[in-house]
Amino acid sequence: MDPHRHLAFGRRDANESGYGDARRAAEKRGFPPVERSVGGRAVAYTGTTVAFAALEPTEDSRSGITERYESGVDTVVEAFASLGVDAEPGEPPDSFCPGDYSVQAPCSTDGGGRRPGKIAGIAQRVTAGAAMVSGVVVVADREEIRDVLDPIYDALDVPFDPDSVGSVAAAGGPSEPERVARALEDALVDGRERSVERLREATDTSREA
């Protein structure tokens, strides 16, 4: 099984009466369920999904939250622009993992037209002395993602429109996660010096959920 493939549930999902059914629906479709400590509702990860995180020091955990969210969204929009994707802040109604800080773009449809699709979501976690802004980007595989999310959101009794799922590829960008990850890195670094402290190959025994 692809070690990158899983279904990440949020804390709110775990409190729903249909959570057990939702987990079973994920397992049935080959998406091992896990629970994450940040973010909102369920998100599906495939081998092309890109997740990122940026940390910065903070002196006051109560200040700067909105500014960091907005900066995170702007950074993702900038990264997508460098890939030829006309993205903007926001999300279609009844999107997966709905939130105020998302990124959408006009995506191709099965009928040959285009409609807004959510291609990224931003989360934030603040602890004593540091803040982490993280995000998930749907690069490709949107059909597979919407097919697995549909029964899961139904089990959780959370509104979800499968057609709200977009992807970088469906918005005219690349389908290679490596290219998207590099564009995000460039936008996050923003001209500052960068270095790689450690790089290792993830395996089934070392991968963290």
N, C-alpha and C. Protein backbone atom coordinates (compact mmCIF):
# COMPACT_ATOMS: atom_id res chain seq x y z
N MET A 1 0.84 -1.20 0.00
CA MET A 1 0.00 0.00 0.00
C MET A 1 0.87 1.25 0.00
N ASP A 2 0.42 2.26 -0.73
CA ASP A 2 1.14 3.53 -0.78
C ASP A 2 1.21 4.14 0.62
N PRO A 3 2.42 4.34 1.17
CA PRO A 3 2.53 4.88 2.53
C PRO A 3 2.03 6.31 2.65
N HIS A 4 1.90 7.02 1.51
CA HIS A 4 1.42 8.40 1.55
C HIS A 4 -0.11 8.48 1.60
N ARG A 5 -0.76 7.38 1.32
CA ARG A 5 -2.21 7.36 1.17
C ARG A 5 -2.89 7.15 2.52
N HIS A 6 -3.64 8.14 2.98
CA HIS A 6 -4.36 8.00 4.24
C HIS A 6 -5.46 9.06 4.32
N LEU A 7 -6.33 8.88 5.30
CA LEU A 7 -7.43 9.81 5.55
C LEU A 7 -7.22 10.42 6.92
N ALA A 8 -6.97 11.72 6.97
CA ALA A 8 -6.70 12.41 8.23
C ALA A 8 -7.98 13.05 8.76
N PHE A 9 -8.43 12.58 9.91
CA PHE A 9 -9.61 13.15 10.56
C PHE A 9 -9.19 14.21 11.57
N GLY A 10 -10.04 15.21 11.74
CA GLY A 10 -9.80 16.23 12.75
C GLY A 10 -10.46 15.87 14.07
N ARG A 11 -10.17 16.65 15.08
CA ARG A 11 -10.73 16.38 16.41
C ARG A 11 -12.25 16.48 16.42
N ARG A 12 -12.80 17.39 15.66
CA ARG A 12 -14.25 17.53 15.61
C ARG A 12 -14.89 16.28 15.01
N ASP A 13 -14.24 15.69 14.02
CA ASP A 13 -14.76 14.47 13.42
C ASP A 13 -14.88 13.36 14.45
N ALA A 14 -13.88 13.25 15.31
CA ALA A 14 -13.84 12.17 16.30
C ALA A 14 -14.99 12.26 17.29
N ASN A 15 -15.61 13.43 17.40
CA ASN A 15 -16.72 13.61 18.34
C ASN A 15 -18.08 13.38 17.70
N GLU A 16 -18.11 13.11 16.39
CA GLU A 16 -19.38 12.90 15.71
C GLU A 16 -19.87 11.47 15.92
N SER A 17 -21.20 11.30 15.95
CA SER A 17 -21.77 9.97 16.17
C SER A 17 -21.45 9.01 15.03
N GLY A 18 -21.22 9.53 13.83
CA GLY A 18 -20.91 8.67 12.69
C GLY A 18 -19.44 8.45 12.45
N TYR A 19 -18.61 8.79 13.43
CA TYR A 19 -17.15 8.69 13.24
C TYR A 19 -16.71 7.26 12.94
N GLY A 20 -17.27 6.30 13.64
CA GLY A 20 -16.90 4.91 13.39
C GLY A 20 -17.22 4.49 11.97
N ASP A 21 -18.39 4.87 11.47
CA ASP A 21 -18.76 4.55 10.09
C ASP A 21 -17.84 5.26 9.11
N ALA A 22 -17.45 6.48 9.43
CA ALA A 22 -16.55 7.24 8.56
C ALA A 22 -15.18 6.56 8.47
N ARG A 23 -14.66 6.10 9.58
CA ARG A 23 -13.38 5.39 9.58
C ARG A 23 -13.47 4.12 8.75
N ARG A 24 -14.56 3.39 8.91
CA ARG A 24 -14.72 2.16 8.14
C ARG A 24 -14.84 2.45 6.65
N ALA A 25 -15.50 3.55 6.29
CA ALA A 25 -15.61 3.93 4.88
C ALA A 25 -14.24 4.24 4.29
N ALA A 26 -13.39 4.89 5.08
CA ALA A 26 -12.03 5.19 4.61
C ALA A 26 -11.23 3.91 4.42
N GLU A 27 -11.29 3.01 5.39
CA GLU A 27 -10.54 1.76 5.30
C GLU A 27 -11.01 0.92 4.11
N LYS A 28 -12.31 0.88 3.89
CA LYS A 28 -12.87 0.11 2.78
C LYS A 28 -12.33 0.58 1.45
N ARG A 29 -12.03 1.86 1.34
CA ARG A 29 -11.55 2.43 0.08
C ARG A 29 -10.03 2.55 0.02
N GLY A 30 -9.36 1.90 0.96
CA GLY A 30 -7.90 1.86 0.93
C GLY A 30 -7.21 3.08 1.48
N PHE A 31 -7.90 3.83 2.35
CA PHE A 31 -7.31 5.02 2.98
C PHE A 31 -7.25 4.79 4.49
N PRO A 32 -6.12 4.35 5.02
CA PRO A 32 -6.01 4.13 6.46
C PRO A 32 -6.34 5.41 7.23
N PRO A 33 -7.23 5.35 8.22
CA PRO A 33 -7.60 6.55 8.97
C PRO A 33 -6.59 6.89 10.06
N VAL A 34 -6.32 8.19 10.21
CA VAL A 34 -5.47 8.70 11.29
C VAL A 34 -6.16 9.94 11.84
N GLU A 35 -5.75 10.38 13.01
CA GLU A 35 -6.26 11.61 13.60
C GLU A 35 -5.12 12.62 13.71
N ARG A 36 -5.41 13.88 13.36
CA ARG A 36 -4.39 14.91 13.42
C ARG A 36 -4.73 15.93 14.50
N SER A 37 -3.71 16.60 14.99
CA SER A 37 -3.89 17.53 16.10
C SER A 37 -4.21 18.95 15.64
N VAL A 38 -4.00 19.25 14.35
CA VAL A 38 -4.32 20.58 13.83
C VAL A 38 -5.29 20.45 12.68
N GLY A 39 -5.91 21.55 12.32
CA GLY A 39 -6.82 21.54 11.19
C GLY A 39 -8.24 21.21 11.62
N GLY A 40 -9.15 21.15 10.65
CA GLY A 40 -10.56 20.96 10.94
C GLY A 40 -11.08 19.59 10.58
N ARG A 41 -11.81 19.50 9.48
CA ARG A 41 -12.49 18.27 9.09
C ARG A 41 -11.59 17.35 8.25
N ALA A 42 -12.18 16.23 7.84
CA ALA A 42 -11.44 15.16 7.17
C ALA A 42 -10.78 15.63 5.87
N VAL A 43 -9.56 15.16 5.66
CA VAL A 43 -8.79 15.45 4.44
C VAL A 43 -8.18 14.15 3.94
N ALA A 44 -8.27 13.91 2.63
CA ALA A 44 -7.70 12.71 2.03
C ALA A 44 -6.35 13.03 1.40
N TYR A 45 -5.37 12.17 1.67
CA TYR A 45 -4.03 12.32 1.12
C TYR A 45 -3.74 11.17 0.16
N THR A 46 -3.24 11.50 -1.02
CA THR A 46 -2.76 10.49 -1.96
C THR A 46 -1.26 10.72 -2.17
N GLY A 47 -0.69 9.97 -3.08
CA GLY A 47 0.74 10.12 -3.35
C GLY A 47 1.11 11.44 -3.99
N THR A 48 0.11 12.22 -4.44
CA THR A 48 0.42 13.52 -5.05
C THR A 48 0.06 14.70 -4.16
N THR A 49 -0.49 14.44 -2.98
CA THR A 49 -0.83 15.53 -2.06
C THR A 49 0.44 16.12 -1.46
N VAL A 50 0.49 17.44 -1.37
CA VAL A 50 1.64 18.12 -0.77
C VAL A 50 1.20 18.79 0.53
N ALA A 51 1.90 18.47 1.60
CA ALA A 51 1.69 19.13 2.89
C ALA A 51 2.93 19.95 3.23
N PHE A 52 2.73 21.11 3.85
CA PHE A 52 3.87 21.96 4.20
C PHE A 52 3.62 22.61 5.55
N ALA A 53 4.67 23.10 6.16
CA ALA A 53 4.56 23.79 7.44
C ALA A 53 5.67 24.82 7.55
N ALA A 54 5.35 25.95 8.15
CA ALA A 54 6.33 27.01 8.39
C ALA A 54 6.20 27.46 9.84
N LEU A 55 7.32 27.53 10.55
CA LEU A 55 7.32 27.93 11.95
C LEU A 55 7.99 29.28 12.12
N GLU A 56 7.50 30.06 13.07
CA GLU A 56 8.11 31.34 13.39
C GLU A 56 7.98 31.60 14.89
N PRO A 57 8.95 32.31 15.47
CA PRO A 57 8.88 32.59 16.91
C PRO A 57 7.80 33.62 17.21
N THR A 58 7.19 33.51 18.38
CA THR A 58 6.18 34.46 18.81
C THR A 58 6.43 34.84 20.27
N GLU A 59 6.15 36.09 20.58
CA GLU A 59 6.27 36.54 21.97
C GLU A 59 4.94 36.49 22.70
N ASP A 60 3.85 36.63 21.95
CA ASP A 60 2.51 36.62 22.54
C ASP A 60 1.64 35.67 21.73
N SER A 61 1.21 34.58 22.32
CA SER A 61 0.43 33.57 21.60
C SER A 61 -0.95 34.08 21.19
N ARG A 62 -1.39 35.20 21.75
CA ARG A 62 -2.72 35.72 21.45
C ARG A 62 -2.73 36.74 20.32
N SER A 63 -1.58 37.18 19.87
CA SER A 63 -1.53 38.21 18.83
C SER A 63 -0.96 37.65 17.54
N GLY A 64 -1.34 38.28 16.43
CA GLY A 64 -0.79 37.92 15.13
C GLY A 64 -1.42 36.72 14.45
N ILE A 65 -2.46 36.15 15.04
CA ILE A 65 -3.05 34.93 14.47
C ILE A 65 -3.65 35.19 13.10
N THR A 66 -4.49 36.22 13.00
CA THR A 66 -5.12 36.54 11.72
C THR A 66 -4.08 36.92 10.68
N GLU A 67 -3.09 37.70 11.08
CA GLU A 67 -2.04 38.12 10.14
C GLU A 67 -1.27 36.92 9.60
N ARG A 68 -0.99 35.95 10.44
CA ARG A 68 -0.26 34.76 9.98
C ARG A 68 -1.12 33.94 9.02
N TYR A 69 -2.40 33.82 9.32
CA TYR A 69 -3.30 33.12 8.40
C TYR A 69 -3.31 33.80 7.04
N GLU A 70 -3.51 35.10 7.04
CA GLU A 70 -3.60 35.83 5.77
C GLU A 70 -2.29 35.76 5.00
N SER A 71 -1.17 35.85 5.71
CA SER A 71 0.12 35.74 5.06
C SER A 71 0.31 34.36 4.46
N GLY A 72 -0.15 33.33 5.17
CA GLY A 72 -0.05 31.97 4.65
C GLY A 72 -0.83 31.78 3.37
N VAL A 73 -2.05 32.32 3.35
CA VAL A 73 -2.87 32.23 2.14
C VAL A 73 -2.21 32.98 0.99
N ASP A 74 -1.72 34.19 1.25
CA ASP A 74 -1.06 34.98 0.20
C ASP A 74 0.17 34.26 -0.35
N THR A 75 0.90 33.59 0.52
CA THR A 75 2.09 32.87 0.08
C THR A 75 1.73 31.72 -0.84
N VAL A 76 0.66 31.00 -0.49
CA VAL A 76 0.23 29.88 -1.34
C VAL A 76 -0.27 30.40 -2.69
N VAL A 77 -1.03 31.49 -2.68
CA VAL A 77 -1.50 32.08 -3.94
C VAL A 77 -0.32 32.49 -4.80
N GLU A 78 0.70 33.07 -4.19
CA GLU A 78 1.91 33.46 -4.92
C GLU A 78 2.61 32.25 -5.53
N ALA A 79 2.69 31.17 -4.77
CA ALA A 79 3.33 29.95 -5.28
C ALA A 79 2.56 29.41 -6.47
N PHE A 80 1.24 29.40 -6.37
CA PHE A 80 0.43 28.90 -7.48
C PHE A 80 0.57 29.78 -8.72
N ALA A 81 0.67 31.09 -8.52
CA ALA A 81 0.84 32.00 -9.66
C ALA A 81 2.11 31.67 -10.43
N SER A 82 3.16 31.29 -9.70
CA SER A 82 4.42 30.95 -10.37
C SER A 82 4.29 29.67 -11.19
N LEU A 83 3.24 28.90 -10.93
CA LEU A 83 2.98 27.66 -11.67
C LEU A 83 1.92 27.85 -12.75
N GLY A 84 1.49 29.08 -12.96
CA GLY A 84 0.50 29.36 -13.98
C GLY A 84 -0.94 29.13 -13.54
N VAL A 85 -1.17 29.08 -12.22
CA VAL A 85 -2.52 28.84 -11.70
C VAL A 85 -3.09 30.16 -11.18
N ASP A 86 -4.28 30.52 -11.67
CA ASP A 86 -4.94 31.77 -11.29
C ASP A 86 -5.76 31.53 -10.02
N ALA A 87 -5.10 31.47 -8.89
CA ALA A 87 -5.75 31.15 -7.62
C ALA A 87 -6.10 32.42 -6.86
N GLU A 88 -6.99 32.28 -5.88
CA GLU A 88 -7.40 33.39 -5.03
C GLU A 88 -7.86 32.84 -3.69
N PRO A 89 -7.88 33.69 -2.65
CA PRO A 89 -8.40 33.24 -1.36
C PRO A 89 -9.87 32.86 -1.46
N GLY A 90 -10.27 31.87 -0.66
CA GLY A 90 -11.67 31.47 -0.62
C GLY A 90 -11.86 30.01 -0.99
N GLU A 91 -13.12 29.57 -0.91
CA GLU A 91 -13.46 28.19 -1.23
C GLU A 91 -14.91 28.13 -1.67
N PRO A 92 -15.29 27.13 -2.49
CA PRO A 92 -16.68 26.97 -2.89
C PRO A 92 -17.53 26.52 -1.69
N PRO A 93 -18.85 26.69 -1.77
CA PRO A 93 -19.72 26.19 -0.69
C PRO A 93 -19.57 24.68 -0.51
N ASP A 94 -19.69 24.23 0.72
CA ASP A 94 -19.66 22.80 1.07
C ASP A 94 -18.37 22.13 0.62
N SER A 95 -17.25 22.80 0.85
CA SER A 95 -15.94 22.24 0.53
C SER A 95 -15.50 21.25 1.60
N PHE A 96 -14.52 20.40 1.25
CA PHE A 96 -13.91 19.54 2.26
C PHE A 96 -13.13 20.41 3.24
N CYS A 97 -13.06 19.98 4.48
CA CYS A 97 -12.35 20.70 5.55
C CYS A 97 -12.60 22.21 5.44
N PRO A 98 -13.87 22.63 5.53
CA PRO A 98 -14.19 24.05 5.32
C PRO A 98 -13.51 24.96 6.33
N GLY A 99 -13.10 26.13 5.85
CA GLY A 99 -12.43 27.08 6.72
C GLY A 99 -12.33 28.44 6.07
N ASP A 100 -12.05 29.44 6.88
CA ASP A 100 -11.96 30.81 6.38
C ASP A 100 -10.69 31.08 5.59
N TYR A 101 -9.70 30.21 5.73
CA TYR A 101 -8.41 30.47 5.08
C TYR A 101 -8.08 29.31 4.14
N SER A 102 -8.68 29.40 2.96
CA SER A 102 -8.51 28.40 1.92
C SER A 102 -8.12 29.09 0.62
N VAL A 103 -7.75 28.29 -0.36
CA VAL A 103 -7.37 28.81 -1.68
C VAL A 103 -8.15 28.04 -2.74
N GLN A 104 -8.72 28.77 -3.68
CA GLN A 104 -9.49 28.16 -4.76
C GLN A 104 -8.99 28.67 -6.10
N ALA A 105 -9.39 27.95 -7.16
CA ALA A 105 -9.01 28.34 -8.52
C ALA A 105 -10.02 27.76 -9.49
N PRO A 106 -10.22 28.39 -10.66
CA PRO A 106 -11.11 27.82 -11.67
C PRO A 106 -10.54 26.49 -12.16
N CYS A 107 -11.32 25.43 -12.05
CA CYS A 107 -10.86 24.09 -12.43
C CYS A 107 -11.75 23.52 -13.53
N SER A 108 -11.17 22.68 -14.36
CA SER A 108 -11.92 22.04 -15.43
C SER A 108 -12.96 21.09 -14.84
N THR A 109 -14.08 20.93 -15.54
CA THR A 109 -15.15 20.04 -15.10
C THR A 109 -15.32 18.91 -16.10
N ASP A 110 -16.09 17.90 -15.69
CA ASP A 110 -16.33 16.76 -16.59
C ASP A 110 -17.08 17.19 -17.84
N GLY A 111 -17.86 18.27 -17.74
CA GLY A 111 -18.63 18.73 -18.88
C GLY A 111 -17.87 19.65 -19.82
N GLY A 112 -16.60 19.91 -19.51
CA GLY A 112 -15.79 20.74 -20.38
C GLY A 112 -15.73 22.20 -19.98
N GLY A 113 -16.49 22.58 -18.94
CA GLY A 113 -16.44 23.96 -18.47
C GLY A 113 -15.43 24.14 -17.36
N ARG A 114 -15.60 25.20 -16.61
CA ARG A 114 -14.72 25.48 -15.48
C ARG A 114 -15.57 26.00 -14.32
N ARG A 115 -15.19 25.63 -13.10
CA ARG A 115 -15.87 26.12 -11.91
C ARG A 115 -14.86 26.17 -10.78
N PRO A 116 -15.11 27.03 -9.78
CA PRO A 116 -14.15 27.13 -8.67
C PRO A 116 -14.00 25.80 -7.93
N GLY A 117 -12.77 25.46 -7.62
CA GLY A 117 -12.49 24.26 -6.84
C GLY A 117 -11.47 24.58 -5.76
N LYS A 118 -11.66 24.00 -4.59
CA LYS A 118 -10.70 24.21 -3.50
C LYS A 118 -9.45 23.39 -3.77
N ILE A 119 -8.30 24.05 -3.73
CA ILE A 119 -7.05 23.35 -4.00
C ILE A 119 -6.08 23.39 -2.82
N ALA A 120 -6.39 24.18 -1.79
CA ALA A 120 -5.51 24.23 -0.62
C ALA A 120 -6.27 24.74 0.59
N GLY A 121 -5.85 24.27 1.75
CA GLY A 121 -6.39 24.75 3.01
C GLY A 121 -5.26 25.05 3.97
N ILE A 122 -5.46 26.06 4.81
CA ILE A 122 -4.42 26.51 5.74
C ILE A 122 -4.89 26.30 7.18
N ALA A 123 -3.97 25.83 8.02
CA ALA A 123 -4.24 25.66 9.45
C ALA A 123 -3.14 26.35 10.24
N GLN A 124 -3.38 26.54 11.52
CA GLN A 124 -2.38 27.19 12.37
C GLN A 124 -2.44 26.60 13.77
N ARG A 125 -1.28 26.45 14.36
CA ARG A 125 -1.18 26.00 15.75
C ARG A 125 -0.18 26.90 16.47
N VAL A 126 -0.59 27.43 17.61
CA VAL A 126 0.26 28.33 18.38
C VAL A 126 0.56 27.70 19.73
N THR A 127 1.85 27.66 20.07
CA THR A 127 2.29 27.18 21.37
C THR A 127 3.14 28.26 22.02
N ALA A 128 3.61 28.00 23.20
CA ALA A 128 4.45 28.98 23.90
C ALA A 128 5.73 29.22 23.12
N GLY A 129 5.86 30.43 22.58
CA GLY A 129 7.08 30.82 21.91
C GLY A 129 7.15 30.56 20.43
N ALA A 130 6.15 29.89 19.85
CA ALA A 130 6.23 29.58 18.42
C ALA A 130 4.83 29.41 17.82
N ALA A 131 4.74 29.68 16.53
CA ALA A 131 3.50 29.47 15.78
C ALA A 131 3.84 28.67 14.53
N MET A 132 2.98 27.70 14.20
CA MET A 132 3.17 26.90 13.00
C MET A 132 1.97 27.09 12.08
N VAL A 133 2.24 27.58 10.88
CA VAL A 133 1.23 27.68 9.84
C VAL A 133 1.48 26.53 8.87
N SER A 134 0.47 25.71 8.67
CA SER A 134 0.63 24.54 7.81
C SER A 134 -0.46 24.53 6.76
N GLY A 135 -0.29 23.69 5.76
CA GLY A 135 -1.28 23.62 4.70
C GLY A 135 -1.23 22.31 3.96
N VAL A 136 -2.31 22.04 3.25
CA VAL A 136 -2.43 20.85 2.40
C VAL A 136 -2.84 21.31 1.01
N VAL A 137 -2.16 20.79 0.00
CA VAL A 137 -2.43 21.16 -1.39
C VAL A 137 -2.84 19.92 -2.18
N VAL A 138 -3.97 20.01 -2.86
CA VAL A 138 -4.41 18.94 -3.76
C VAL A 138 -3.74 19.19 -5.11
N VAL A 139 -2.75 18.39 -5.43
CA VAL A 139 -2.02 18.58 -6.69
C VAL A 139 -2.73 17.88 -7.84
N ALA A 140 -3.13 16.64 -7.64
CA ALA A 140 -3.83 15.85 -8.66
C ALA A 140 -4.76 14.87 -7.93
N ASP A 141 -5.23 13.84 -8.64
CA ASP A 141 -6.06 12.79 -8.03
C ASP A 141 -7.36 13.32 -7.43
N ARG A 142 -7.90 14.40 -7.95
CA ARG A 142 -9.10 14.97 -7.32
C ARG A 142 -10.30 14.03 -7.42
N GLU A 143 -10.40 13.23 -8.51
CA GLU A 143 -11.52 12.30 -8.62
C GLU A 143 -11.47 11.26 -7.50
N GLU A 144 -10.28 10.74 -7.25
CA GLU A 144 -10.11 9.76 -6.18
C GLU A 144 -10.41 10.39 -4.82
N ILE A 145 -9.99 11.63 -4.63
CA ILE A 145 -10.20 12.31 -3.36
C ILE A 145 -11.68 12.57 -3.12
N ARG A 146 -12.38 13.06 -4.12
CA ARG A 146 -13.80 13.35 -3.90
C ARG A 146 -14.61 12.07 -3.73
N ASP A 147 -14.18 10.97 -4.39
CA ASP A 147 -14.90 9.71 -4.25
C ASP A 147 -14.78 9.13 -2.85
N VAL A 148 -13.63 9.30 -2.21
CA VAL A 148 -13.48 8.77 -0.85
C VAL A 148 -14.08 9.72 0.18
N LEU A 149 -14.04 11.02 -0.07
CA LEU A 149 -14.57 11.97 0.90
C LEU A 149 -16.09 11.99 0.94
N ASP A 150 -16.74 11.69 -0.17
CA ASP A 150 -18.20 11.77 -0.24
C ASP A 150 -18.88 10.89 0.82
N PRO A 151 -18.58 9.58 0.88
CA PRO A 151 -19.23 8.76 1.91
C PRO A 151 -18.77 9.09 3.33
N ILE A 152 -17.57 9.61 3.46
CA ILE A 152 -17.06 9.95 4.79
C ILE A 152 -17.80 11.16 5.36
N TYR A 153 -17.96 12.20 4.57
CA TYR A 153 -18.70 13.37 5.04
C TYR A 153 -20.18 13.03 5.25
N ASP A 154 -20.69 12.11 4.44
CA ASP A 154 -22.06 11.67 4.63
C ASP A 154 -22.22 10.97 5.99
N ALA A 155 -21.25 10.11 6.33
CA ALA A 155 -21.29 9.42 7.62
C ALA A 155 -21.17 10.40 8.78
N LEU A 156 -20.39 11.46 8.59
CA LEU A 156 -20.21 12.47 9.63
C LEU A 156 -21.36 13.47 9.69
N ASP A 157 -22.25 13.40 8.69
CA ASP A 157 -23.39 14.33 8.57
C ASP A 157 -22.91 15.77 8.45
N VAL A 158 -21.88 15.95 7.62
CA VAL A 158 -21.32 17.28 7.33
C VAL A 158 -21.56 17.58 5.86
N PRO A 159 -22.14 18.74 5.50
CA PRO A 159 -22.39 19.06 4.10
C PRO A 159 -21.11 19.00 3.27
N PHE A 160 -21.21 18.37 2.10
CA PHE A 160 -20.04 18.26 1.22
C PHE A 160 -20.50 18.14 -0.22
N ASP A 161 -19.92 18.96 -1.08
CA ASP A 161 -20.17 18.91 -2.52
C ASP A 161 -18.94 18.34 -3.20
N PRO A 162 -19.01 17.12 -3.74
CA PRO A 162 -17.83 16.52 -4.38
C PRO A 162 -17.23 17.40 -5.48
N ASP A 163 -18.08 18.17 -6.16
CA ASP A 163 -17.59 19.01 -7.25
C ASP A 163 -16.80 20.22 -6.74
N SER A 164 -16.79 20.44 -5.43
CA SER A 164 -16.00 21.54 -4.88
C SER A 164 -14.52 21.20 -4.80
N VAL A 165 -14.18 19.92 -4.98
CA VAL A 165 -12.77 19.51 -4.92
C VAL A 165 -12.07 19.91 -6.20
N GLY A 166 -11.04 20.69 -6.08
CA GLY A 166 -10.22 21.06 -7.23
C GLY A 166 -8.84 20.46 -7.11
N SER A 167 -7.96 20.84 -8.00
CA SER A 167 -6.56 20.41 -7.92
C SER A 167 -5.71 21.39 -8.72
N VAL A 168 -4.44 21.41 -8.42
CA VAL A 168 -3.52 22.26 -9.18
C VAL A 168 -3.54 21.87 -10.65
N ALA A 169 -3.55 20.56 -10.91
CA ALA A 169 -3.55 20.08 -12.30
C ALA A 169 -4.83 20.50 -13.03
N ALA A 170 -5.99 20.38 -12.36
CA ALA A 170 -7.26 20.75 -12.99
C ALA A 170 -7.37 22.25 -13.20
N ALA A 171 -6.55 23.02 -12.48
CA ALA A 171 -6.54 24.48 -12.63
C ALA A 171 -5.51 24.94 -13.65
N GLY A 172 -4.90 24.00 -14.36
CA GLY A 172 -3.94 24.35 -15.40
C GLY A 172 -2.50 24.30 -14.99
N GLY A 173 -2.23 23.86 -13.77
CA GLY A 173 -0.86 23.76 -13.28
C GLY A 173 -0.28 22.37 -13.47
N PRO A 174 0.89 22.12 -12.95
CA PRO A 174 1.54 20.81 -13.09
C PRO A 174 0.88 19.75 -12.20
N SER A 175 1.04 18.50 -12.59
CA SER A 175 0.52 17.39 -11.79
C SER A 175 1.61 16.72 -10.97
N GLU A 176 2.85 17.21 -11.09
CA GLU A 176 3.97 16.63 -10.35
C GLU A 176 4.08 17.30 -8.98
N PRO A 177 3.95 16.54 -7.89
CA PRO A 177 4.03 17.15 -6.56
C PRO A 177 5.38 17.80 -6.27
N GLU A 178 6.45 17.29 -6.89
CA GLU A 178 7.77 17.87 -6.66
C GLU A 178 7.82 19.33 -7.13
N ARG A 179 7.21 19.62 -8.26
CA ARG A 179 7.21 20.99 -8.77
C ARG A 179 6.39 21.92 -7.87
N VAL A 180 5.27 21.42 -7.39
CA VAL A 180 4.44 22.23 -6.50
C VAL A 180 5.16 22.47 -5.18
N ALA A 181 5.79 21.43 -4.65
CA ALA A 181 6.52 21.58 -3.38
C ALA A 181 7.64 22.59 -3.51
N ARG A 182 8.34 22.58 -4.64
CA ARG A 182 9.44 23.53 -4.84
C ARG A 182 8.91 24.96 -4.94
N ALA A 183 7.78 25.14 -5.61
CA ALA A 183 7.19 26.48 -5.72
C ALA A 183 6.76 27.00 -4.35
N LEU A 184 6.20 26.12 -3.53
CA LEU A 184 5.82 26.51 -2.17
C LEU A 184 7.05 26.87 -1.35
N GLU A 185 8.09 26.06 -1.49
CA GLU A 185 9.33 26.34 -0.75
C GLU A 185 9.90 27.69 -1.15
N ASP A 186 9.94 27.96 -2.45
CA ASP A 186 10.47 29.24 -2.92
C ASP A 186 9.67 30.41 -2.36
N ALA A 187 8.33 30.27 -2.34
CA ALA A 187 7.49 31.36 -1.84
C ALA A 187 7.65 31.54 -0.33
N LEU A 188 7.80 30.44 0.39
CA LEU A 188 7.97 30.52 1.84
C LEU A 188 9.33 31.10 2.23
N VAL A 189 10.36 30.69 1.51
CA VAL A 189 11.71 31.18 1.80
C VAL A 189 11.84 32.65 1.41
N ASP A 190 11.21 33.01 0.28
CA ASP A 190 11.12 34.41 -0.16
C ASP A 190 12.49 35.08 -0.24
N GLY A 191 13.42 34.41 -0.91
CA GLY A 191 14.73 35.00 -1.15
C GLY A 191 15.73 34.84 -0.04
N ARG A 192 15.29 34.33 1.11
CA ARG A 192 16.23 34.13 2.22
C ARG A 192 17.11 32.91 1.96
N GLU A 193 18.22 32.86 2.67
CA GLU A 193 19.13 31.72 2.53
C GLU A 193 18.45 30.46 3.05
N ARG A 194 18.64 29.35 2.35
CA ARG A 194 18.03 28.10 2.77
C ARG A 194 19.09 27.02 2.91
N SER A 195 18.81 26.05 3.75
CA SER A 195 19.72 24.91 3.92
C SER A 195 18.92 23.69 4.31
N VAL A 196 19.43 22.52 3.98
CA VAL A 196 18.80 21.26 4.35
C VAL A 196 19.61 20.66 5.48
N GLU A 197 18.98 20.54 6.65
CA GLU A 197 19.68 19.99 7.81
C GLU A 197 19.73 18.47 7.77
N ARG A 198 18.60 17.86 7.35
CA ARG A 198 18.54 16.41 7.30
C ARG A 198 17.50 15.99 6.29
N LEU A 199 17.78 14.94 5.55
CA LEU A 199 16.85 14.43 4.56
C LEU A 199 16.92 12.92 4.61
N ARG A 200 15.78 12.28 4.80
CA ARG A 200 15.77 10.83 4.83
C ARG A 200 14.58 10.31 4.05
N GLU A 201 14.67 9.08 3.62
CA GLU A 201 13.59 8.44 2.88
C GLU A 201 12.56 7.91 3.87
N ALA A 202 11.29 8.30 3.68
CA ALA A 202 10.25 7.80 4.58
C ALA A 202 9.95 6.35 4.28
N THR A 203 9.73 5.57 5.31
CA THR A 203 9.37 4.16 5.16
C THR A 203 8.13 3.89 6.00
N ASP A 204 7.57 2.69 5.83
CA ASP A 204 6.39 2.32 6.59
C ASP A 204 6.66 2.33 8.09
N THR A 205 7.89 2.04 8.50
CA THR A 205 8.20 1.95 9.92
C THR A 205 8.59 3.29 10.51
N SER A 206 8.99 4.25 9.66
CA SER A 206 9.45 5.53 10.20
C SER A 206 8.48 6.66 9.94
N ARG A 207 7.49 6.45 9.09
CA ARG A 207 6.58 7.53 8.74
C ARG A 207 5.71 7.90 9.93
N GLU A 208 5.58 9.19 10.16
CA GLU A 208 4.70 9.67 11.21
C GLU A 208 3.38 10.09 10.61
N ALA A 209 2.29 9.75 11.25
CA ALA A 209 0.96 10.13 10.77
C ALA A 209 0.67 11.58 11.13
